[in-house]
């Protein structure tokens, strides 16, 4: 049903979001979720026909010219930034598609159930676990886990969101993480295979091959599809950057779609602004 106060748009119920995504698949279309760090991005991503808009704190850094990984660093309050982008930039300009709020579930300073209530009250139609510690590995990941700021906090956040009937679309990097999220009640699982390649601030060597990305994505799907047959599975990151890349992954896996942040928002701006500026600068002047 539409928003009961305005007659259209956000917020949607959990089941309404699920139904919208299922309808996309029934039309033989891939599900496309897009990150938006600014209102102008959100406005034109919606015009392009995306199925979901996700607010990441990293979007603010990305659209300020910095790498998305800045969203994982201590450069600001991730939860406050996502809420601010949603309240003042994205939710006011999005007309119709569901908007999802990135939530840093392992933030030890917050009662996460209380923060989720504020997310719901703000008018978001669901949550995403970003920043996520699933993409942190090695010694630092071990320290996070041992000091109470690990991935299990993100799982607990999804478990609470499930009780609140909040739609959740979550990042995982390993099959065992996917199972944890599926058992906690997640609605959609995103296979995160690394920071997106390409552009001025994308990675080069710090990623995997396309073959590895395809293999990891299918492993994640296979690991938990028996838990909930209604789960949606999406791919993200690493070498999966262009529409052709996504077509290749979807043709070789059973994923339902793609989540693009840098791939849509940043890459869409970089080349178009460069080309447009060059076009203006090519104008001759014939003054005296």
C-alpha atoms as a PDB file:
ATOM      1  CA  UNK A   1       0.000   0.000   0.000  1.00  0.00           C
ATOM      2  CA  UNK A   2       1.188   3.571  -0.515  1.00  0.00           C
ATOM      3  CA  UNK A   3       2.321   5.845   2.290  1.00  0.00           C
ATOM      4  CA  UNK A   4      -0.857   6.420   4.354  1.00  0.00           C
ATOM      5  CA  UNK A   5      -0.183  10.151   4.787  1.00  0.00           C
ATOM      6  CA  UNK A   6       0.831  11.176   1.275  1.00  0.00           C
ATOM      7  CA  UNK A   7      -0.666   8.396  -0.814  1.00  0.00           C
ATOM      8  CA  UNK A   8       2.628   7.394  -2.415  1.00  0.00           C
ATOM      9  CA  UNK A   9       6.134   6.238  -1.679  1.00  0.00           C
ATOM     10  CA  UNK A  10       8.052   5.436   1.494  1.00  0.00           C
ATOM     11  CA  UNK A  11       7.776   3.845   3.926  1.00  0.00           C
ATOM     12  CA  UNK A  12       6.834   0.402   2.659  1.00  0.00           C
ATOM     13  CA  UNK A  13       6.173  -2.615   4.826  1.00  0.00           C
ATOM     14  CA  UNK A  14       8.563  -5.526   4.743  1.00  0.00           C
ATOM     15  CA  UNK A  15       6.130  -7.632   2.737  1.00  0.00           C
ATOM     16  CA  UNK A  16       5.533  -4.810   0.274  1.00  0.00           C
ATOM     17  CA  UNK A  17       9.269  -4.570  -0.424  1.00  0.00           C
ATOM     18  CA  UNK A  18       9.469  -8.324  -0.909  1.00  0.00           C
ATOM     19  CA  UNK A  19       6.468  -8.245  -3.244  1.00  0.00           C
ATOM     20  CA  UNK A  20       7.996  -5.459  -5.318  1.00  0.00           C
ATOM     21  CA  UNK A  21      11.235  -7.417  -5.767  1.00  0.00           C
ATOM     22  CA  UNK A  22       9.358 -10.595  -6.615  1.00  0.00           C
ATOM     23  CA  UNK A  23       7.341  -8.659  -9.193  1.00  0.00           C
ATOM     24  CA  UNK A  24      10.585  -7.495 -10.814  1.00  0.00           C
ATOM     25  CA  UNK A  25      11.721 -11.105 -11.146  1.00  0.00           C
ATOM     26  CA  UNK A  26       8.323 -12.154 -12.473  1.00  0.00           C
ATOM     27  CA  UNK A  27       8.824  -9.634 -15.270  1.00  0.00           C
ATOM     28  CA  UNK A  28      12.087 -11.421 -16.163  1.00  0.00           C
ATOM     29  CA  UNK A  29      14.132  -8.452 -14.970  1.00  0.00           C
ATOM     30  CA  UNK A  30      17.154  -8.466 -12.675  1.00  0.00           C
ATOM     31  CA  UNK A  31      16.830  -6.718  -9.319  1.00  0.00           C
ATOM     32  CA  UNK A  32      18.993  -3.593  -9.209  1.00  0.00           C
ATOM     33  CA  UNK A  33      19.720  -1.849  -5.913  1.00  0.00           C
ATOM     34  CA  UNK A  34      21.724   1.370  -6.010  1.00  0.00           C
ATOM     35  CA  UNK A  35      23.641   3.355  -3.433  1.00  0.00           C
ATOM     36  CA  UNK A  36      22.925   7.074  -3.159  1.00  0.00           C
ATOM     37  CA  UNK A  37      25.098   9.484  -1.210  1.00  0.00           C
ATOM     38  CA  UNK A  38      23.301  12.622  -2.386  1.00  0.00           C
ATOM     39  CA  UNK A  39      19.788  13.686  -3.252  1.00  0.00           C
ATOM     40  CA  UNK A  40      20.663  14.310  -6.895  1.00  0.00           C
ATOM     41  CA  UNK A  41      21.994  10.755  -7.191  1.00  0.00           C
ATOM     42  CA  UNK A  42      18.837   9.327  -5.650  1.00  0.00           C
ATOM     43  CA  UNK A  43      16.547  11.404  -7.861  1.00  0.00           C
ATOM     44  CA  UNK A  44      18.070  10.188 -11.101  1.00  0.00           C
ATOM     45  CA  UNK A  45      18.718   6.614  -9.955  1.00  0.00           C
ATOM     46  CA  UNK A  46      14.977   6.460  -9.388  1.00  0.00           C
ATOM     47  CA  UNK A  47      14.338   7.862 -12.865  1.00  0.00           C
ATOM     48  CA  UNK A  48      16.587   5.109 -14.214  1.00  0.00           C
ATOM     49  CA  UNK A  49      14.299   2.477 -12.721  1.00  0.00           C
ATOM     50  CA  UNK A  50      16.276   0.989  -9.821  1.00  0.00           C
ATOM     51  CA  UNK A  51      14.335  -1.311  -7.495  1.00  0.00           C
ATOM     52  CA  UNK A  52      15.894  -0.092  -4.235  1.00  0.00           C
ATOM     53  CA  UNK A  53      17.997   2.832  -3.058  1.00  0.00           C
ATOM     54  CA  UNK A  54      20.443   2.151  -0.234  1.00  0.00           C
ATOM     55  CA  UNK A  55      21.944   4.926   1.891  1.00  0.00           C
ATOM     56  CA  UNK A  56      25.558   4.230   2.858  1.00  0.00           C
ATOM     57  CA  UNK A  57      27.718   6.506   4.976  1.00  0.00           C
ATOM     58  CA  UNK A  58      30.418   5.713   2.397  1.00  0.00           C
ATOM     59  CA  UNK A  59      28.311   7.528  -0.195  1.00  0.00           C
ATOM     60  CA  UNK A  60      29.218  10.823   1.414  1.00  0.00           C
ATOM     61  CA  UNK A  61      32.943  10.044   1.103  1.00  0.00           C
ATOM     62  CA  UNK A  62      32.536   8.585  -2.378  1.00  0.00           C
ATOM     63  CA  UNK A  63      30.776  11.671  -3.661  1.00  0.00           C
ATOM     64  CA  UNK A  64      33.396  13.854  -1.979  1.00  0.00           C
ATOM     65  CA  UNK A  65      36.058  12.192  -4.134  1.00  0.00           C
ATOM     66  CA  UNK A  66      37.376   9.648  -1.645  1.00  0.00           C
ATOM     67  CA  UNK A  67      37.461   5.864  -1.732  1.00  0.00           C
ATOM     68  CA  UNK A  68      34.394   4.046  -0.398  1.00  0.00           C
ATOM     69  CA  UNK A  69      36.552   2.332   2.224  1.00  0.00           C
ATOM     70  CA  UNK A  70      36.597   5.661   4.063  1.00  0.00           C
ATOM     71  CA  UNK A  71      33.142   4.597   5.254  1.00  0.00           C
ATOM     72  CA  UNK A  72      34.793   1.833   7.297  1.00  0.00           C
ATOM     73  CA  UNK A  73      37.234   4.193   8.994  1.00  0.00           C
ATOM     74  CA  UNK A  74      36.906   6.462  12.017  1.00  0.00           C
ATOM     75  CA  UNK A  75      36.154   9.541   9.909  1.00  0.00           C
ATOM     76  CA  UNK A  76      32.674  10.163  11.248  1.00  0.00           C
ATOM     77  CA  UNK A  77      29.641   8.608  12.906  1.00  0.00           C
ATOM     78  CA  UNK A  78      28.455   6.108  10.299  1.00  0.00           C
ATOM     79  CA  UNK A  79      24.946   5.775  11.705  1.00  0.00           C
ATOM     80  CA  UNK A  80      24.450   9.524  12.068  1.00  0.00           C
ATOM     81  CA  UNK A  81      25.739  10.184   8.535  1.00  0.00           C
ATOM     82  CA  UNK A  82      23.386   7.632   6.960  1.00  0.00           C
ATOM     83  CA  UNK A  83      20.414   9.031   8.847  1.00  0.00           C
ATOM     84  CA  UNK A  84      21.325  12.583   7.848  1.00  0.00           C
ATOM     85  CA  UNK A  85      21.664  11.717   4.158  1.00  0.00           C
ATOM     86  CA  UNK A  86      18.318   9.952   4.298  1.00  0.00           C
ATOM     87  CA  UNK A  87      16.417  12.636   6.189  1.00  0.00           C
ATOM     88  CA  UNK A  88      17.691  15.740   4.444  1.00  0.00           C
ATOM     89  CA  UNK A  89      18.759  14.597   0.973  1.00  0.00           C
ATOM     90  CA  UNK A  90      17.277  11.327  -0.259  1.00  0.00           C
ATOM     91  CA  UNK A  91      13.888  10.746   1.351  1.00  0.00           C
ATOM     92  CA  UNK A  92      12.648  14.252   0.435  1.00  0.00           C
ATOM     93  CA  UNK A  93      13.319  13.744  -3.287  1.00  0.00           C
ATOM     94  CA  UNK A  94      12.504  10.063  -3.866  1.00  0.00           C
ATOM     95  CA  UNK A  95       8.988   9.705  -5.166  1.00  0.00           C
ATOM     96  CA  UNK A  96       8.244   6.036  -5.158  1.00  0.00           C
ATOM     97  CA  UNK A  97      10.933   3.356  -4.715  1.00  0.00           C
ATOM     98  CA  UNK A  98      11.878   1.937  -1.296  1.00  0.00           C
ATOM     99  CA  UNK A  99      14.814   3.553   0.507  1.00  0.00           C
ATOM    100  CA  UNK A 100      17.011   1.363   2.723  1.00  0.00           C
ATOM    101  CA  UNK A 101      19.180   2.719   5.555  1.00  0.00           C
ATOM    102  CA  UNK A 102      22.732   1.526   6.092  1.00  0.00           C
ATOM    103  CA  UNK A 103      23.208   0.705   9.773  1.00  0.00           C
ATOM    104  CA  UNK A 104      26.507   0.074  11.557  1.00  0.00           C
ATOM    105  CA  UNK A 105      25.224  -2.732  13.727  1.00  0.00           C
ATOM    106  CA  UNK A 106      28.428  -3.228  15.699  1.00  0.00           C
ATOM    107  CA  UNK A 107      28.548   0.355  16.998  1.00  0.00           C
ATOM    108  CA  UNK A 108      29.005  -0.295  20.756  1.00  0.00           C
ATOM    109  CA  UNK A 109      27.682   3.143  21.716  1.00  0.00           C
ATOM    110  CA  UNK A 110      24.160   2.475  20.554  1.00  0.00           C
ATOM    111  CA  UNK A 111      21.291   0.335  21.724  1.00  0.00           C
ATOM    112  CA  UNK A 112      20.738  -1.044  18.268  1.00  0.00           C
ATOM    113  CA  UNK A 113      17.062  -1.812  18.858  1.00  0.00           C
ATOM    114  CA  UNK A 114      16.539   1.862  19.703  1.00  0.00           C
ATOM    115  CA  UNK A 115      18.389   3.021  16.601  1.00  0.00           C
ATOM    116  CA  UNK A 116      16.306   0.682  14.415  1.00  0.00           C
ATOM    117  CA  UNK A 117      13.148   2.216  15.830  1.00  0.00           C
ATOM    118  CA  UNK A 118      14.440   5.647  14.762  1.00  0.00           C
ATOM    119  CA  UNK A 119      15.284   4.302  11.305  1.00  0.00           C
ATOM    120  CA  UNK A 120      11.748   2.975  10.986  1.00  0.00           C
ATOM    121  CA  UNK A 121      10.223   6.208  12.291  1.00  0.00           C
ATOM    122  CA  UNK A 122      12.273   8.243   9.803  1.00  0.00           C
ATOM    123  CA  UNK A 123      10.476   6.500   6.937  1.00  0.00           C
ATOM    124  CA  UNK A 124      13.089   4.067   5.679  1.00  0.00           C
ATOM    125  CA  UNK A 125      11.680   0.838   4.274  1.00  0.00           C
ATOM    126  CA  UNK A 126      14.449  -1.428   5.550  1.00  0.00           C
ATOM    127  CA  UNK A 127      18.058  -1.772   6.656  1.00  0.00           C
ATOM    128  CA  UNK A 128      21.435  -2.821   5.278  1.00  0.00           C
ATOM    129  CA  UNK A 129      24.463  -3.811   7.384  1.00  0.00           C
ATOM    130  CA  UNK A 130      26.916  -1.128   6.398  1.00  0.00           C
ATOM    131  CA  UNK A 131      29.593  -0.474   7.467  1.00  0.00           C
ATOM    132  CA  UNK A 132      30.064  -4.236   7.647  1.00  0.00           C
ATOM    133  CA  UNK A 133      32.864  -6.117   9.357  1.00  0.00           C
ATOM    134  CA  UNK A 134      32.291  -9.052   7.005  1.00  0.00           C
ATOM    135  CA  UNK A 135      34.803  -7.504   4.601  1.00  0.00           C
ATOM    136  CA  UNK A 136      37.466  -7.061   7.289  1.00  0.00           C
ATOM    137  CA  UNK A 137      39.871  -9.985   7.649  1.00  0.00           C
ATOM    138  CA  UNK A 138      43.137 -11.007   9.246  1.00  0.00           C
ATOM    139  CA  UNK A 139      44.424  -9.833  12.624  1.00  0.00           C
ATOM    140  CA  UNK A 140      42.174  -6.766  12.763  1.00  0.00           C
ATOM    141  CA  UNK A 141      39.063  -8.891  12.183  1.00  0.00           C
ATOM    142  CA  UNK A 142      40.136 -11.153  15.046  1.00  0.00           C
ATOM    143  CA  UNK A 143      40.586  -8.143  17.328  1.00  0.00           C
ATOM    144  CA  UNK A 144      37.116  -6.841  16.435  1.00  0.00           C
ATOM    145  CA  UNK A 145      35.547 -10.218  17.149  1.00  0.00           C
ATOM    146  CA  UNK A 146      37.360 -10.666  20.462  1.00  0.00           C
ATOM    147  CA  UNK A 147      36.499  -7.176  21.706  1.00  0.00           C
ATOM    148  CA  UNK A 148      32.755  -7.326  21.091  1.00  0.00           C
ATOM    149  CA  UNK A 149      32.590  -5.452  17.783  1.00  0.00           C
ATOM    150  CA  UNK A 150      32.356  -8.378  15.406  1.00  0.00           C
ATOM    151  CA  UNK A 151      30.051  -9.624  12.681  1.00  0.00           C
ATOM    152  CA  UNK A 152      27.820 -11.317  15.247  1.00  0.00           C
ATOM    153  CA  UNK A 153      26.569  -7.846  16.207  1.00  0.00           C
ATOM    154  CA  UNK A 154      25.370  -7.337  12.656  1.00  0.00           C
ATOM    155  CA  UNK A 155      23.603 -10.688  12.791  1.00  0.00           C
ATOM    156  CA  UNK A 156      21.936  -9.689  16.037  1.00  0.00           C
ATOM    157  CA  UNK A 157      20.812  -6.440  14.413  1.00  0.00           C
ATOM    158  CA  UNK A 158      19.104  -8.421  11.638  1.00  0.00           C
ATOM    159  CA  UNK A 159      17.489 -10.675  14.222  1.00  0.00           C
ATOM    160  CA  UNK A 160      16.006  -7.597  15.904  1.00  0.00           C
ATOM    161  CA  UNK A 161      14.951  -6.135  12.551  1.00  0.00           C
ATOM    162  CA  UNK A 162      13.156  -9.418  11.828  1.00  0.00           C
ATOM    163  CA  UNK A 163      11.150  -9.015  15.037  1.00  0.00           C
ATOM    164  CA  UNK A 164      10.339  -5.439  14.059  1.00  0.00           C
ATOM    165  CA  UNK A 165       9.197  -6.549  10.595  1.00  0.00           C
ATOM    166  CA  UNK A 166      11.875  -4.404   8.945  1.00  0.00           C
ATOM    167  CA  UNK A 167      13.085  -5.567   5.529  1.00  0.00           C
ATOM    168  CA  UNK A 168      16.807  -6.393   5.610  1.00  0.00           C
ATOM    169  CA  UNK A 169      19.270  -6.707   2.733  1.00  0.00           C
ATOM    170  CA  UNK A 170      22.702  -7.706   4.013  1.00  0.00           C
ATOM    171  CA  UNK A 171      26.320  -8.036   2.971  1.00  0.00           C
ATOM    172  CA  UNK A 172      28.267 -11.226   3.555  1.00  0.00           C
ATOM    173  CA  UNK A 173      31.700 -12.303   2.355  1.00  0.00           C
ATOM    174  CA  UNK A 174      31.603 -16.005   3.261  1.00  0.00           C
ATOM    175  CA  UNK A 175      29.077 -18.856   3.089  1.00  0.00           C
ATOM    176  CA  UNK A 176      29.024 -19.258   6.871  1.00  0.00           C
ATOM    177  CA  UNK A 177      28.111 -15.576   7.248  1.00  0.00           C
ATOM    178  CA  UNK A 178      25.304 -16.029   4.741  1.00  0.00           C
ATOM    179  CA  UNK A 179      23.874 -18.888   6.784  1.00  0.00           C
ATOM    180  CA  UNK A 180      24.023 -16.795   9.959  1.00  0.00           C
ATOM    181  CA  UNK A 181      22.136 -13.975   8.281  1.00  0.00           C
ATOM    182  CA  UNK A 182      19.557 -16.267   6.708  1.00  0.00           C
ATOM    183  CA  UNK A 183      18.893 -17.941  10.063  1.00  0.00           C
ATOM    184  CA  UNK A 184      18.532 -14.501  11.689  1.00  0.00           C
ATOM    185  CA  UNK A 185      15.747 -13.615   9.256  1.00  0.00           C
ATOM    186  CA  UNK A 186      17.415 -11.602   6.484  1.00  0.00           C
ATOM    187  CA  UNK A 187      15.302 -11.047   3.374  1.00  0.00           C
ATOM    188  CA  UNK A 188      18.108 -10.587   0.834  1.00  0.00           C
ATOM    189  CA  UNK A 189      21.751 -11.692   0.845  1.00  0.00           C
ATOM    190  CA  UNK A 190      24.445  -9.745  -1.007  1.00  0.00           C
ATOM    191  CA  UNK A 191      27.650 -11.549  -1.952  1.00  0.00           C
ATOM    192  CA  UNK A 192      30.380  -8.941  -1.321  1.00  0.00           C
ATOM    193  CA  UNK A 193      33.486  -9.942  -3.279  1.00  0.00           C
ATOM    194  CA  UNK A 194      35.589  -6.840  -2.595  1.00  0.00           C
ATOM    195  CA  UNK A 195      35.915  -3.128  -3.244  1.00  0.00           C
ATOM    196  CA  UNK A 196      34.748  -2.170  -6.736  1.00  0.00           C
ATOM    197  CA  UNK A 197      37.373  -1.818  -9.455  1.00  0.00           C
ATOM    198  CA  UNK A 198      37.674   1.059 -11.883  1.00  0.00           C
ATOM    199  CA  UNK A 199      37.461   4.818 -12.073  1.00  0.00           C
ATOM    200  CA  UNK A 200      39.675   7.302 -10.301  1.00  0.00           C
ATOM    201  CA  UNK A 201      39.415   5.805  -6.813  1.00  0.00           C
ATOM    202  CA  UNK A 202      38.565   2.149  -7.471  1.00  0.00           C
ATOM    203  CA  UNK A 203      40.968  -0.636  -6.563  1.00  0.00           C
ATOM    204  CA  UNK A 204      43.224  -2.501  -8.983  1.00  0.00           C
ATOM    205  CA  UNK A 205      45.183  -5.263  -7.271  1.00  0.00           C
ATOM    206  CA  UNK A 206      43.048  -5.529  -4.136  1.00  0.00           C
ATOM    207  CA  UNK A 207      40.306  -7.559  -5.748  1.00  0.00           C
ATOM    208  CA  UNK A 208      39.566 -10.993  -7.165  1.00  0.00           C
ATOM    209  CA  UNK A 209      39.129 -12.306 -10.706  1.00  0.00           C
ATOM    210  CA  UNK A 210      35.730 -12.543 -12.345  1.00  0.00           C
ATOM    211  CA  UNK A 211      35.935 -16.324 -12.155  1.00  0.00           C
ATOM    212  CA  UNK A 212      36.559 -16.118  -8.409  1.00  0.00           C
ATOM    213  CA  UNK A 213      33.731 -13.612  -7.963  1.00  0.00           C
ATOM    214  CA  UNK A 214      31.316 -15.932  -9.754  1.00  0.00           C
ATOM    215  CA  UNK A 215      32.452 -18.928  -7.719  1.00  0.00           C
ATOM    216  CA  UNK A 216      32.203 -17.126  -4.374  1.00  0.00           C
ATOM    217  CA  UNK A 217      28.776 -15.726  -5.236  1.00  0.00           C
ATOM    218  CA  UNK A 218      27.386 -19.159  -6.041  1.00  0.00           C
ATOM    219  CA  UNK A 219      28.954 -20.686  -2.924  1.00  0.00           C
ATOM    220  CA  UNK A 220      27.207 -18.071  -0.812  1.00  0.00           C
ATOM    221  CA  UNK A 221      23.890 -18.728  -2.550  1.00  0.00           C
ATOM    222  CA  UNK A 222      24.207 -22.492  -2.193  1.00  0.00           C
ATOM    223  CA  UNK A 223      25.099 -22.250   1.482  1.00  0.00           C
ATOM    224  CA  UNK A 224      21.781 -20.886   2.667  1.00  0.00           C
ATOM    225  CA  UNK A 225      19.074 -21.220   0.037  1.00  0.00           C
ATOM    226  CA  UNK A 226      17.726 -24.260   1.923  1.00  0.00           C
ATOM    227  CA  UNK A 227      17.069 -22.114   5.010  1.00  0.00           C
ATOM    228  CA  UNK A 228      14.575 -19.822   3.328  1.00  0.00           C
ATOM    229  CA  UNK A 229      13.421 -20.506  -0.245  1.00  0.00           C
ATOM    230  CA  UNK A 230      12.106 -16.937  -0.481  1.00  0.00           C
ATOM    231  CA  UNK A 231      15.545 -15.332  -0.053  1.00  0.00           C
ATOM    232  CA  UNK A 232      16.766 -12.896  -2.684  1.00  0.00           C
ATOM    233  CA  UNK A 233      20.437 -13.150  -3.688  1.00  0.00           C
ATOM    234  CA  UNK A 234      22.457 -10.308  -5.182  1.00  0.00           C
ATOM    235  CA  UNK A 235      26.083  -9.750  -6.163  1.00  0.00           C
ATOM    236  CA  UNK A 236      28.353  -6.805  -5.471  1.00  0.00           C
ATOM    237  CA  UNK A 237      31.861  -5.464  -5.770  1.00  0.00           C
ATOM    238  CA  UNK A 238      35.261  -6.515  -7.017  1.00  0.00           C
ATOM    239  CA  UNK A 239      35.334  -6.962 -10.793  1.00  0.00           C
ATOM    240  CA  UNK A 240      31.527  -6.725 -11.059  1.00  0.00           C
ATOM    241  CA  UNK A 241      31.294  -3.135 -12.223  1.00  0.00           C
ATOM    242  CA  UNK A 242      29.553  -2.666 -15.576  1.00  0.00           C
ATOM    243  CA  UNK A 243      26.172  -3.903 -16.896  1.00  0.00           C
ATOM    244  CA  UNK A 244      28.058  -6.483 -18.978  1.00  0.00           C
ATOM    245  CA  UNK A 245      29.855  -7.709 -15.855  1.00  0.00           C
ATOM    246  CA  UNK A 246      26.518  -8.149 -14.097  1.00  0.00           C
ATOM    247  CA  UNK A 247      25.051 -10.001 -17.087  1.00  0.00           C
ATOM    248  CA  UNK A 248      27.985 -12.413 -16.961  1.00  0.00           C
ATOM    249  CA  UNK A 249      27.581 -13.096 -13.246  1.00  0.00           C
ATOM    250  CA  UNK A 250      23.831 -13.578 -13.500  1.00  0.00           C
ATOM    251  CA  UNK A 251      24.241 -15.917 -16.470  1.00  0.00           C
ATOM    252  CA  UNK A 252      26.686 -18.113 -14.529  1.00  0.00           C
ATOM    253  CA  UNK A 253      25.035 -18.098 -11.089  1.00  0.00           C
ATOM    254  CA  UNK A 254      21.525 -18.241  -9.660  1.00  0.00           C
ATOM    255  CA  UNK A 255      21.764 -14.690  -8.277  1.00  0.00           C
ATOM    256  CA  UNK A 256      18.699 -12.496  -8.750  1.00  0.00           C
ATOM    257  CA  UNK A 257      20.418  -9.163  -9.245  1.00  0.00           C
ATOM    258  CA  UNK A 258      23.091  -6.644  -8.370  1.00  0.00           C
ATOM    259  CA  UNK A 259      23.861  -3.960  -5.814  1.00  0.00           C
ATOM    260  CA  UNK A 260      25.829  -1.033  -7.213  1.00  0.00           C
ATOM    261  CA  UNK A 261      27.222   1.885  -5.246  1.00  0.00           C
ATOM    262  CA  UNK A 262      30.441   3.048  -6.891  1.00  0.00           C
ATOM    263  CA  UNK A 263      29.329   1.232 -10.050  1.00  0.00           C
ATOM    264  CA  UNK A 264      26.303   3.461 -10.453  1.00  0.00           C
ATOM    265  CA  UNK A 265      26.777   6.624  -8.457  1.00  0.00           C
ATOM    266  CA  UNK A 266      30.499   7.346  -8.759  1.00  0.00           C
ATOM    267  CA  UNK A 267      31.180   5.849 -12.172  1.00  0.00           C
ATOM    268  CA  UNK A 268      28.134   7.606 -13.594  1.00  0.00           C
ATOM    269  CA  UNK A 269      29.508  10.969 -12.516  1.00  0.00           C
ATOM    270  CA  UNK A 270      33.219  10.591 -13.271  1.00  0.00           C
ATOM    271  CA  UNK A 271      33.178  10.066 -17.015  1.00  0.00           C
ATOM    272  CA  UNK A 272      30.086  12.122 -17.792  1.00  0.00           C
ATOM    273  CA  UNK A 273      31.419  15.205 -16.002  1.00  0.00           C
ATOM    274  CA  UNK A 274      34.805  14.792 -17.645  1.00  0.00           C
ATOM    275  CA  UNK A 275      33.288  14.481 -21.112  1.00  0.00           C
ATOM    276  CA  UNK A 276      30.825  17.337 -20.567  1.00  0.00           C
ATOM    277  CA  UNK A 277      33.540  19.678 -19.324  1.00  0.00           C
ATOM    278  CA  UNK A 278      35.744  18.782 -22.291  1.00  0.00           C
ATOM    279  CA  UNK A 279      32.833  19.517 -24.624  1.00  0.00           C
ATOM    280  CA  UNK A 280      32.414  22.983 -23.114  1.00  0.00           C
ATOM    281  CA  UNK A 281      36.164  23.604 -23.267  1.00  0.00           C
ATOM    282  CA  UNK A 282      36.189  22.694 -26.958  1.00  0.00           C
ATOM    283  CA  UNK A 283      34.104  25.790 -27.732  1.00  0.00           C
ATOM    284  CA  UNK A 284      36.116  28.327 -29.647  1.00  0.00           C
ATOM    285  CA  UNK A 285      36.071  32.089 -29.087  1.00  0.00           C
ATOM    286  CA  UNK A 286      36.273  34.514 -31.967  1.00  0.00           C
ATOM    287  CA  UNK A 287      36.621  37.799 -30.167  1.00  0.00           C
ATOM    288  CA  UNK A 288      38.917  40.629 -31.255  1.00  0.00           C
END
